[in-house]
Amino acid sequence: MNTQVLLFLGKAALLTFVFVLMYRLLLRRETFHGLKRGALILSLVLSYVLPVTVITVHRDITKSPVAQTKSDPTFLSCCTNKCPCTIRIGRRERSCSDT
């Protein structure tokens, strides 16, 4: 079988298991059977739709200027010597050479 098909079936099986577990924990003792039926149908549909859904997030990243002073409590500076950056949060200063 194709690896994509196996991956899809694995994700669908995992989602089905999660939805059945949620159903057993939350709706097992519910007496409103219409709600239970709707939850089961929705979970079955979502189990097969969610694995093929692709969610992309686009972020605009802008370069900010170097922090003004080292006295700034949230100092973040890029330097040109052997260490690419120095981070200062509160009183503690840490550079990438500190491990």
PDB file of N, CA and C in Angstrom:
ATOM      1  N   MET A   1       0.830  -1.192   0.000  1.00  0.00           N
ATOM      2  CA  MET A   1       0.000   0.000   0.000  1.00  0.00           C
ATOM      3  C   MET A   1       0.871   1.250   0.000  1.00  0.00           C
ATOM      4  N   ASN A   2       0.305   2.287  -0.462  1.00  0.00           N
ATOM      5  CA  ASN A   2       0.990   3.564  -0.522  1.00  0.00           C
ATOM      6  C   ASN A   2       1.158   4.128   0.892  1.00  0.00           C
ATOM      7  N   THR A   3       2.263   4.785   1.158  1.00  0.00           N
ATOM      8  CA  THR A   3       2.499   5.330   2.497  1.00  0.00           C
ATOM      9  C   THR A   3       1.532   6.458   2.835  1.00  0.00           C
ATOM     10  N   GLN A   4       1.095   7.209   1.819  1.00  0.00           N
ATOM     11  CA  GLN A   4       0.124   8.272   2.059  1.00  0.00           C
ATOM     12  C   GLN A   4      -1.208   7.697   2.540  1.00  0.00           C
ATOM     13  N   VAL A   5      -1.613   6.585   1.954  1.00  0.00           N
ATOM     14  CA  VAL A   5      -2.869   5.941   2.355  1.00  0.00           C
ATOM     15  C   VAL A   5      -2.750   5.418   3.776  1.00  0.00           C
ATOM     16  N   LEU A   6      -1.626   4.797   4.086  1.00  0.00           N
ATOM     17  CA  LEU A   6      -1.421   4.279   5.437  1.00  0.00           C
ATOM     18  C   LEU A   6      -1.382   5.413   6.465  1.00  0.00           C
ATOM     19  N   LEU A   7      -0.760   6.509   6.109  1.00  0.00           N
ATOM     20  CA  LEU A   7      -0.714   7.664   7.000  1.00  0.00           C
ATOM     21  C   LEU A   7      -2.119   8.225   7.228  1.00  0.00           C
ATOM     22  N   PHE A   8      -2.906   8.333   6.167  1.00  0.00           N
ATOM     23  CA  PHE A   8      -4.276   8.814   6.294  1.00  0.00           C
ATOM     24  C   PHE A   8      -5.101   7.879   7.178  1.00  0.00           C
ATOM     25  N   LEU A   9      -4.994   6.577   6.953  1.00  0.00           N
ATOM     26  CA  LEU A   9      -5.762   5.618   7.748  1.00  0.00           C
ATOM     27  C   LEU A   9      -5.333   5.634   9.216  1.00  0.00           C
ATOM     28  N   GLY A  10      -4.052   5.817   9.463  1.00  0.00           N
ATOM     29  CA  GLY A  10      -3.579   5.912  10.846  1.00  0.00           C
ATOM     30  C   GLY A  10      -4.121   7.144  11.549  1.00  0.00           C
ATOM     31  N   LYS A  11      -4.095   8.277  10.856  1.00  0.00           N
ATOM     32  CA  LYS A  11      -4.630   9.507  11.443  1.00  0.00           C
ATOM     33  C   LYS A  11      -6.136   9.388  11.677  1.00  0.00           C
ATOM     34  N   ALA A  12      -6.851   8.809  10.713  1.00  0.00           N
ATOM     35  CA  ALA A  12      -8.295   8.640  10.855  1.00  0.00           C
ATOM     36  C   ALA A  12      -8.621   7.708  12.012  1.00  0.00           C
ATOM     37  N   ALA A  13      -7.857   6.629  12.152  1.00  0.00           N
ATOM     38  CA  ALA A  13      -8.091   5.700  13.260  1.00  0.00           C
ATOM     39  C   ALA A  13      -7.810   6.362  14.606  1.00  0.00           C
ATOM     40  N   LEU A  14      -6.753   7.160  14.668  1.00  0.00           N
ATOM     41  CA  LEU A  14      -6.426   7.860  15.907  1.00  0.00           C
ATOM     42  C   LEU A  14      -7.511   8.865  16.270  1.00  0.00           C
ATOM     43  N   LEU A  15      -7.985   9.621  15.289  1.00  0.00           N
ATOM     44  CA  LEU A  15      -9.053  10.583  15.545  1.00  0.00           C
ATOM     45  C   LEU A  15     -10.350   9.881  15.944  1.00  0.00           C
ATOM     46  N   THR A  16     -10.654   8.762  15.308  1.00  0.00           N
ATOM     47  CA  THR A  16     -11.849   8.002  15.682  1.00  0.00           C
ATOM     48  C   THR A  16     -11.743   7.532  17.118  1.00  0.00           C
ATOM     49  N   PHE A  17     -10.578   7.052  17.509  1.00  0.00           N
ATOM     50  CA  PHE A  17     -10.369   6.605  18.883  1.00  0.00           C
ATOM     51  C   PHE A  17     -10.565   7.759  19.868  1.00  0.00           C
ATOM     52  N   VAL A  18     -10.021   8.923  19.546  1.00  0.00           N
ATOM     53  CA  VAL A  18     -10.156  10.085  20.425  1.00  0.00           C
ATOM     54  C   VAL A  18     -11.616  10.507  20.544  1.00  0.00           C
ATOM     55  N   PHE A  19     -12.326  10.525  19.422  1.00  0.00           N
ATOM     56  CA  PHE A  19     -13.732  10.928  19.461  1.00  0.00           C
ATOM     57  C   PHE A  19     -14.591   9.912  20.211  1.00  0.00           C
ATOM     58  N   VAL A  20     -14.323   8.634  20.039  1.00  0.00           N
ATOM     59  CA  VAL A  20     -15.083   7.611  20.776  1.00  0.00           C
ATOM     60  C   VAL A  20     -14.785   7.719  22.265  1.00  0.00           C
ATOM     61  N   LEU A  21     -13.544   7.985  22.617  1.00  0.00           N
ATOM     62  CA  LEU A  21     -13.188   8.158  24.019  1.00  0.00           C
ATOM     63  C   LEU A  21     -13.908   9.371  24.609  1.00  0.00           C
ATOM     64  N   MET A  22     -13.944  10.469  23.872  1.00  0.00           N
ATOM     65  CA  MET A  22     -14.673  11.644  24.346  1.00  0.00           C
ATOM     66  C   MET A  22     -16.164  11.350  24.470  1.00  0.00           C
ATOM     67  N   TYR A  23     -16.708  10.596  23.523  1.00  0.00           N
ATOM     68  CA  TYR A  23     -18.117  10.221  23.585  1.00  0.00           C
ATOM     69  C   TYR A  23     -18.401   9.386  24.834  1.00  0.00           C
ATOM     70  N   ARG A  24     -17.527   8.424  25.091  1.00  0.00           N
ATOM     71  CA  ARG A  24     -17.737   7.553  26.256  1.00  0.00           C
ATOM     72  C   ARG A  24     -17.619   8.337  27.562  1.00  0.00           C
ATOM     73  N   LEU A  25     -16.699   9.278  27.620  1.00  0.00           N
ATOM     74  CA  LEU A  25     -16.515  10.043  28.851  1.00  0.00           C
ATOM     75  C   LEU A  25     -17.598  11.096  29.063  1.00  0.00           C
ATOM     76  N   LEU A  26     -18.042  11.746  27.991  1.00  0.00           N
ATOM     77  CA  LEU A  26     -18.942  12.888  28.139  1.00  0.00           C
ATOM     78  C   LEU A  26     -20.412  12.579  27.884  1.00  0.00           C
ATOM     79  N   LEU A  27     -20.713  11.670  26.973  1.00  0.00           N
ATOM     80  CA  LEU A  27     -22.100  11.484  26.563  1.00  0.00           C
ATOM     81  C   LEU A  27     -22.674  10.108  26.872  1.00  0.00           C
ATOM     82  N   ARG A  28     -21.955   9.282  27.603  1.00  0.00           N
ATOM     83  CA  ARG A  28     -22.422   7.923  27.842  1.00  0.00           C
ATOM     84  C   ARG A  28     -23.733   7.908  28.600  1.00  0.00           C
ATOM     85  N   ARG A  29     -23.880   8.736  29.606  1.00  0.00           N
ATOM     86  CA  ARG A  29     -25.077   8.726  30.446  1.00  0.00           C
ATOM     87  C   ARG A  29     -26.143   9.717  30.005  1.00  0.00           C
ATOM     88  N   GLU A  30     -25.906  10.384  28.887  1.00  0.00           N
ATOM     89  CA  GLU A  30     -26.865  11.362  28.374  1.00  0.00           C
ATOM     90  C   GLU A  30     -28.121  10.649  27.877  1.00  0.00           C
ATOM     91  N   THR A  31     -29.290  11.194  28.193  1.00  0.00           N
ATOM     92  CA  THR A  31     -30.549  10.576  27.772  1.00  0.00           C
ATOM     93  C   THR A  31     -31.118  11.220  26.510  1.00  0.00           C
ATOM     94  N   PHE A  32     -30.559  12.321  26.072  1.00  0.00           N
ATOM     95  CA  PHE A  32     -31.020  12.983  24.855  1.00  0.00           C
ATOM     96  C   PHE A  32     -30.321  12.308  23.674  1.00  0.00           C
ATOM     97  N   HIS A  33     -31.013  11.337  23.080  1.00  0.00           N
ATOM     98  CA  HIS A  33     -30.379  10.491  22.069  1.00  0.00           C
ATOM     99  C   HIS A  33     -30.092  11.227  20.759  1.00  0.00           C
ATOM    100  N   GLY A  34     -30.830  12.303  20.496  1.00  0.00           N
ATOM    101  CA  GLY A  34     -30.551  13.086  19.293  1.00  0.00           C
ATOM    102  C   GLY A  34     -29.173  13.714  19.359  1.00  0.00           C
ATOM    103  N   LEU A  35     -28.794  14.195  20.544  1.00  0.00           N
ATOM    104  CA  LEU A  35     -27.460  14.772  20.739  1.00  0.00           C
ATOM    105  C   LEU A  35     -26.384  13.708  20.571  1.00  0.00           C
ATOM    106  N   LYS A  36     -26.639  12.538  21.127  1.00  0.00           N
ATOM    107  CA  LYS A  36     -25.658  11.455  21.009  1.00  0.00           C
ATOM    108  C   LYS A  36     -25.475  11.031  19.555  1.00  0.00           C
ATOM    109  N   ARG A  37     -26.579  10.925  18.828  1.00  0.00           N
ATOM    110  CA  ARG A  37     -26.522  10.536  17.424  1.00  0.00           C
ATOM    111  C   ARG A  37     -25.778  11.591  16.599  1.00  0.00           C
ATOM    112  N   GLY A  38     -26.067  12.857  16.850  1.00  0.00           N
ATOM    113  CA  GLY A  38     -25.385  13.930  16.136  1.00  0.00           C
ATOM    114  C   GLY A  38     -23.893  13.955  16.436  1.00  0.00           C
ATOM    115  N   ALA A  39     -23.542  13.716  17.701  1.00  0.00           N
ATOM    116  CA  ALA A  39     -22.126  13.692  18.074  1.00  0.00           C
ATOM    117  C   ALA A  39     -21.397  12.544  17.391  1.00  0.00           C
ATOM    118  N   LEU A  40     -22.023  11.396  17.302  1.00  0.00           N
ATOM    119  CA  LEU A  40     -21.384  10.253  16.644  1.00  0.00           C
ATOM    120  C   LEU A  40     -21.208  10.489  15.147  1.00  0.00           C
ATOM    121  N   ILE A  41     -22.225  11.060  14.511  1.00  0.00           N
ATOM    122  CA  ILE A  41     -22.123  11.326  13.072  1.00  0.00           C
ATOM    123  C   ILE A  41     -21.061  12.390  12.814  1.00  0.00           C
ATOM    124  N   LEU A  42     -21.055  13.453  13.619  1.00  0.00           N
ATOM    125  CA  LEU A  42     -20.053  14.502  13.458  1.00  0.00           C
ATOM    126  C   LEU A  42     -18.645  13.971  13.687  1.00  0.00           C
ATOM    127  N   SER A  43     -18.479  13.125  14.690  1.00  0.00           N
ATOM    128  CA  SER A  43     -17.145  12.577  14.955  1.00  0.00           C
ATOM    129  C   SER A  43     -16.686  11.670  13.827  1.00  0.00           C
ATOM    130  N   LEU A  44     -17.609  10.924  13.229  1.00  0.00           N
ATOM    131  CA  LEU A  44     -17.246  10.073  12.103  1.00  0.00           C
ATOM    132  C   LEU A  44     -16.821  10.905  10.900  1.00  0.00           C
ATOM    133  N   VAL A  45     -17.563  11.973  10.615  1.00  0.00           N
ATOM    134  CA  VAL A  45     -17.219  12.844   9.489  1.00  0.00           C
ATOM    135  C   VAL A  45     -15.889  13.542   9.746  1.00  0.00           C
ATOM    136  N   LEU A  46     -15.715  14.094  10.961  1.00  0.00           N
ATOM    137  CA  LEU A  46     -14.463  14.793  11.276  1.00  0.00           C
ATOM    138  C   LEU A  46     -13.262  13.861  11.269  1.00  0.00           C
ATOM    139  N   SER A  47     -13.454  12.599  11.607  1.00  0.00           N
ATOM    140  CA  SER A  47     -12.346  11.643  11.607  1.00  0.00           C
ATOM    141  C   SER A  47     -11.754  11.454  10.219  1.00  0.00           C
ATOM    142  N   TYR A  48     -12.574  11.620   9.187  1.00  0.00           N
ATOM    143  CA  TYR A  48     -12.079  11.437   7.830  1.00  0.00           C
ATOM    144  C   TYR A  48     -11.788  12.752   7.110  1.00  0.00           C
ATOM    145  N   VAL A  49     -12.303  13.866   7.625  1.00  0.00           N
ATOM    146  CA  VAL A  49     -12.049  15.159   6.991  1.00  0.00           C
ATOM    147  C   VAL A  49     -10.786  15.806   7.550  1.00  0.00           C
ATOM    148  N   LEU A  50     -10.591  15.727   8.862  1.00  0.00           N
ATOM    149  CA  LEU A  50      -9.444  16.395   9.482  1.00  0.00           C
ATOM    150  C   LEU A  50      -8.079  15.908   8.988  1.00  0.00           C
ATOM    151  N   PRO A  51      -7.875  14.608   8.717  1.00  0.00           N
ATOM    152  CA  PRO A  51      -6.548  14.199   8.236  1.00  0.00           C
ATOM    153  C   PRO A  51      -6.155  14.779   6.880  1.00  0.00           C
ATOM    154  N   VAL A  52      -7.105  15.156   6.056  1.00  0.00           N
ATOM    155  CA  VAL A  52      -6.758  15.707   4.743  1.00  0.00           C
ATOM    156  C   VAL A  52      -6.765  17.227   4.747  1.00  0.00           C
ATOM    157  N   THR A  53      -7.118  17.841   5.860  1.00  0.00           N
ATOM    158  CA  THR A  53      -7.162  19.286   5.969  1.00  0.00           C
ATOM    159  C   THR A  53      -5.761  19.833   6.203  1.00  0.00           C
ATOM    160  N   VAL A  54      -5.403  20.849   5.438  1.00  0.00           N
ATOM    161  CA  VAL A  54      -4.104  21.498   5.584  1.00  0.00           C
ATOM    162  C   VAL A  54      -4.350  22.916   6.077  1.00  0.00           C
ATOM    163  N   ILE A  55      -3.723  23.264   7.173  1.00  0.00           N
ATOM    164  CA  ILE A  55      -3.859  24.599   7.744  1.00  0.00           C
ATOM    165  C   ILE A  55      -2.513  25.293   7.608  1.00  0.00           C
ATOM    166  N   THR A  56      -2.511  26.412   6.908  1.00  0.00           N
ATOM    167  CA  THR A  56      -1.277  27.176   6.749  1.00  0.00           C
ATOM    168  C   THR A  56      -1.412  28.493   7.487  1.00  0.00           C
ATOM    169  N   VAL A  57      -0.358  28.893   8.140  1.00  0.00           N
ATOM    170  CA  VAL A  57      -0.329  30.143   8.880  1.00  0.00           C
ATOM    171  C   VAL A  57       0.777  30.998   8.283  1.00  0.00           C
ATOM    172  N   HIS A  58       0.429  32.192   7.850  1.00  0.00           N
ATOM    173  CA  HIS A  58       1.401  33.124   7.297  1.00  0.00           C
ATOM    174  C   HIS A  58       1.661  34.216   8.325  1.00  0.00           C
ATOM    175  N   ARG A  59       2.904  34.433   8.627  1.00  0.00           N
ATOM    176  CA  ARG A  59       3.287  35.476   9.567  1.00  0.00           C
ATOM    177  C   ARG A  59       4.213  36.455   8.881  1.00  0.00           C
ATOM    178  N   ASP A  60       3.964  37.721   9.093  1.00  0.00           N
ATOM    179  CA  ASP A  60       4.865  38.754   8.612  1.00  0.00           C
ATOM    180  C   ASP A  60       5.921  38.983   9.676  1.00  0.00           C
ATOM    181  N   ILE A  61       7.158  38.782   9.308  1.00  0.00           N
ATOM    182  CA  ILE A  61       8.259  38.972  10.239  1.00  0.00           C
ATOM    183  C   ILE A  61       8.998  40.230   9.832  1.00  0.00           C
ATOM    184  N   THR A  62       9.056  41.172  10.742  1.00  0.00           N
ATOM    185  CA  THR A  62       9.775  42.409  10.466  1.00  0.00           C
ATOM    186  C   THR A  62      10.989  42.471  11.371  1.00  0.00           C
ATOM    187  N   LYS A  63      12.075  42.978  10.832  1.00  0.00           N
ATOM    188  CA  LYS A  63      13.279  43.137  11.631  1.00  0.00           C
ATOM    189  C   LYS A  63      13.130  44.371  12.495  1.00  0.00           C
ATOM    190  N   SER A  64      13.327  44.182  13.780  1.00  0.00           N
ATOM    191  CA  SER A  64      13.270  45.331  14.669  1.00  0.00           C
ATOM    192  C   SER A  64      14.692  45.825  14.908  1.00  0.00           C
ATOM    193  N   PRO A  65      14.842  47.090  15.178  1.00  0.00           N
ATOM    194  CA  PRO A  65      16.189  47.609  15.446  1.00  0.00           C
ATOM    195  C   PRO A  65      16.748  47.021  16.739  1.00  0.00           C
ATOM    196  N   VAL A  66      18.046  47.110  16.874  1.00  0.00           N
ATOM    197  CA  VAL A  66      18.717  46.613  18.070  1.00  0.00           C
ATOM    198  C   VAL A  66      18.203  47.380  19.274  1.00  0.00           C
ATOM    199  N   ALA A  67      18.067  46.688  20.389  1.00  0.00           N
ATOM    200  CA  ALA A  67      17.561  47.335  21.609  1.00  0.00           C
ATOM    201  C   ALA A  67      18.409  48.545  21.951  1.00  0.00           C
ATOM    202  N   GLN A  68      17.787  49.521  22.583  1.00  0.00           N
ATOM    203  CA  GLN A  68      18.443  50.804  22.800  1.00  0.00           C
ATOM    204  C   GLN A  68      19.642  50.690  23.751  1.00  0.00           C
ATOM    205  N   THR A  69      19.454  50.139  24.921  1.00  0.00           N
ATOM    206  CA  THR A  69      20.539  50.100  25.904  1.00  0.00           C
ATOM    207  C   THR A  69      20.563  48.763  26.607  1.00  0.00           C
ATOM    208  N   LYS A  70      21.708  48.487  27.236  1.00  0.00           N
ATOM    209  CA  LYS A  70      21.797  47.264  28.014  1.00  0.00           C
ATOM    210  C   LYS A  70      21.049  47.375  29.333  1.00  0.00           C
ATOM    211  N   SER A  71      20.674  48.574  29.728  1.00  0.00           N
ATOM    212  CA  SER A  71      19.915  48.724  30.963  1.00  0.00           C
ATOM    213  C   SER A  71      18.447  48.350  30.767  1.00  0.00           C
ATOM    214  N   ASP A  72      18.056  48.192  29.511  1.00  0.00           N
ATOM    215  CA  ASP A  72      16.697  47.754  29.212  1.00  0.00           C
ATOM    216  C   ASP A  72      16.523  46.329  29.734  1.00  0.00           C
ATOM    217  N   PRO A  73      15.476  46.029  30.555  1.00  0.00           N
ATOM    218  CA  PRO A  73      15.335  44.694  31.139  1.00  0.00           C
ATOM    219  C   PRO A  73      15.077  43.605  30.104  1.00  0.00           C
ATOM    220  N   THR A  74      14.625  43.955  28.958  1.00  0.00           N
ATOM    221  CA  THR A  74      14.398  42.950  27.920  1.00  0.00           C
ATOM    222  C   THR A  74      15.375  43.156  26.780  1.00  0.00           C
ATOM    223  N   PHE A  75      16.636  43.300  27.115  1.00  0.00           N
ATOM    224  CA  PHE A  75      17.685  43.590  26.143  1.00  0.00           C
ATOM    225  C   PHE A  75      17.912  42.397  25.222  1.00  0.00           C
ATOM    226  N   LEU A  76      17.905  42.641  23.938  1.00  0.00           N
ATOM    227  CA  LEU A  76      18.215  41.622  22.947  1.00  0.00           C
ATOM    228  C   LEU A  76      19.074  42.287  21.886  1.00  0.00           C
ATOM    229  N   SER A  77      20.292  41.852  21.766  1.00  0.00           N
ATOM    230  CA  SER A  77      21.213  42.515  20.856  1.00  0.00           C
ATOM    231  C   SER A  77      21.912  41.488  19.991  1.00  0.00           C
ATOM    232  N   CYS A  78      22.054  41.797  18.734  1.00  0.00           N
ATOM    233  CA  CYS A  78      22.841  40.954  17.842  1.00  0.00           C
ATOM    234  C   CYS A  78      24.234  41.561  17.742  1.00  0.00           C
ATOM    235  N   CYS A  79      25.231  40.755  17.974  1.00  0.00           N
ATOM    236  CA  CYS A  79      26.592  41.280  17.937  1.00  0.00           C
ATOM    237  C   CYS A  79      27.382  40.590  16.838  1.00  0.00           C
ATOM    238  N   THR A  80      28.521  41.108  16.523  1.00  0.00           N
ATOM    239  CA  THR A  80      29.289  40.616  15.387  1.00  0.00           C
ATOM    240  C   THR A  80      30.474  39.745  15.789  1.00  0.00           C
ATOM    241  N   ASN A  81      30.776  39.622  17.082  1.00  0.00           N
ATOM    242  CA  ASN A  81      31.900  38.773  17.454  1.00  0.00           C
ATOM    243  C   ASN A  81      31.484  37.311  17.430  1.00  0.00           C
ATOM    244  N   LYS A  82      32.202  36.432  18.110  1.00  0.00           N
ATOM    245  CA  LYS A  82      31.985  34.993  17.977  1.00  0.00           C
ATOM    246  C   LYS A  82      30.593  34.546  18.412  1.00  0.00           C
ATOM    247  N   CYS A  83      29.944  35.287  19.241  1.00  0.00           N
ATOM    248  CA  CYS A  83      28.612  34.931  19.706  1.00  0.00           C
ATOM    249  C   CYS A  83      27.576  35.697  18.884  1.00  0.00           C
ATOM    250  N   PRO A  84      26.613  35.028  18.283  1.00  0.00           N
ATOM    251  CA  PRO A  84      25.663  35.753  17.446  1.00  0.00           C
ATOM    252  C   PRO A  84      24.652  36.589  18.226  1.00  0.00           C
ATOM    253  N   CYS A  85      24.385  36.288  19.479  1.00  0.00           N
ATOM    254  CA  CYS A  85      23.385  37.091  20.175  1.00  0.00           C
ATOM    255  C   CYS A  85      23.576  37.053  21.679  1.00  0.00           C
ATOM    256  N   THR A  86      23.066  38.069  22.323  1.00  0.00           N
ATOM    257  CA  THR A  86      23.069  38.164  23.779  1.00  0.00           C
ATOM    258  C   THR A  86      21.649  38.487  24.207  1.00  0.00           C
ATOM    259  N   ILE A  87      21.153  37.734  25.160  1.00  0.00           N
ATOM    260  CA  ILE A  87      19.792  37.940  25.628  1.00  0.00           C
ATOM    261  C   ILE A  87      19.845  38.330  27.090  1.00  0.00           C
ATOM    262  N   ARG A  88      19.141  39.392  27.426  1.00  0.00           N
ATOM    263  CA  ARG A  88      19.078  39.798  28.824  1.00  0.00           C
ATOM    264  C   ARG A  88      17.618  39.937  29.220  1.00  0.00           C
ATOM    265  N   ILE A  89      17.229  39.163  30.193  1.00  0.00           N
ATOM    266  CA  ILE A  89      15.878  39.222  30.733  1.00  0.00           C
ATOM    267  C   ILE A  89      16.017  39.436  32.227  1.00  0.00           C
ATOM    268  N   GLY A  90      15.539  40.561  32.698  1.00  0.00           N
ATOM    269  CA  GLY A  90      15.684  40.894  34.111  1.00  0.00           C
ATOM    270  C   GLY A  90      17.128  41.155  34.438  1.00  0.00           C
ATOM    271  N   ARG A  91      17.650  40.516  35.484  1.00  0.00           N
ATOM    272  CA  ARG A  91      19.030  40.730  35.914  1.00  0.00           C
ATOM    273  C   ARG A  91      20.011  39.766  35.268  1.00  0.00           C
ATOM    274  N   ARG A  92      19.516  38.715  34.686  1.00  0.00           N
ATOM    275  CA  ARG A  92      20.395  37.672  34.168  1.00  0.00           C
ATOM    276  C   ARG A  92      20.656  37.894  32.679  1.00  0.00           C
ATOM    277  N   GLU A  93      21.910  37.901  32.322  1.00  0.00           N
ATOM    278  CA  GLU A  93      22.298  38.043  30.925  1.00  0.00           C
ATOM    279  C   GLU A  93      22.861  36.724  30.458  1.00  0.00           C
ATOM    280  N   ARG A  94      22.453  36.302  29.285  1.00  0.00           N
ATOM    281  CA  ARG A  94      22.908  35.013  28.772  1.00  0.00           C
ATOM    282  C   ARG A  94      23.264  35.158  27.306  1.00  0.00           C
ATOM    283  N   SER A  95      24.397  34.635  26.935  1.00  0.00           N
ATOM    284  CA  SER A  95      24.770  34.640  25.526  1.00  0.00           C
ATOM    285  C   SER A  95      24.840  33.192  25.062  1.00  0.00           C
ATOM    286  N   CYS A  96      24.954  33.033  23.765  1.00  0.00           N
ATOM    287  CA  CYS A  96      24.951  31.666  23.222  1.00  0.00           C
ATOM    288  C   CYS A  96      26.233  30.916  23.582  1.00  0.00           C
ATOM    289  N   SER A  97      27.262  31.595  24.025  1.00  0.00           N
ATOM    290  CA  SER A  97      28.465  30.886  24.464  1.00  0.00           C
ATOM    291  C   SER A  97      28.262  30.262  25.838  1.00  0.00           C
ATOM    292  N   ASP A  98      27.233  30.728  26.593  1.00  0.00           N
ATOM    293  CA  ASP A  98      26.902  30.122  27.879  1.00  0.00           C
ATOM    294  C   ASP A  98      26.082  28.868  27.613  1.00  0.00           C
ATOM    295  N   THR A  99      26.572  27.727  28.067  1.00  0.00           N
ATOM    296  CA  THR A  99      25.813  26.478  27.859  1.00  0.00           C
ATOM    297  C   THR A  99      25.631  25.777  29.152  1.00  0.00           C
TER     298      THR A  99
END
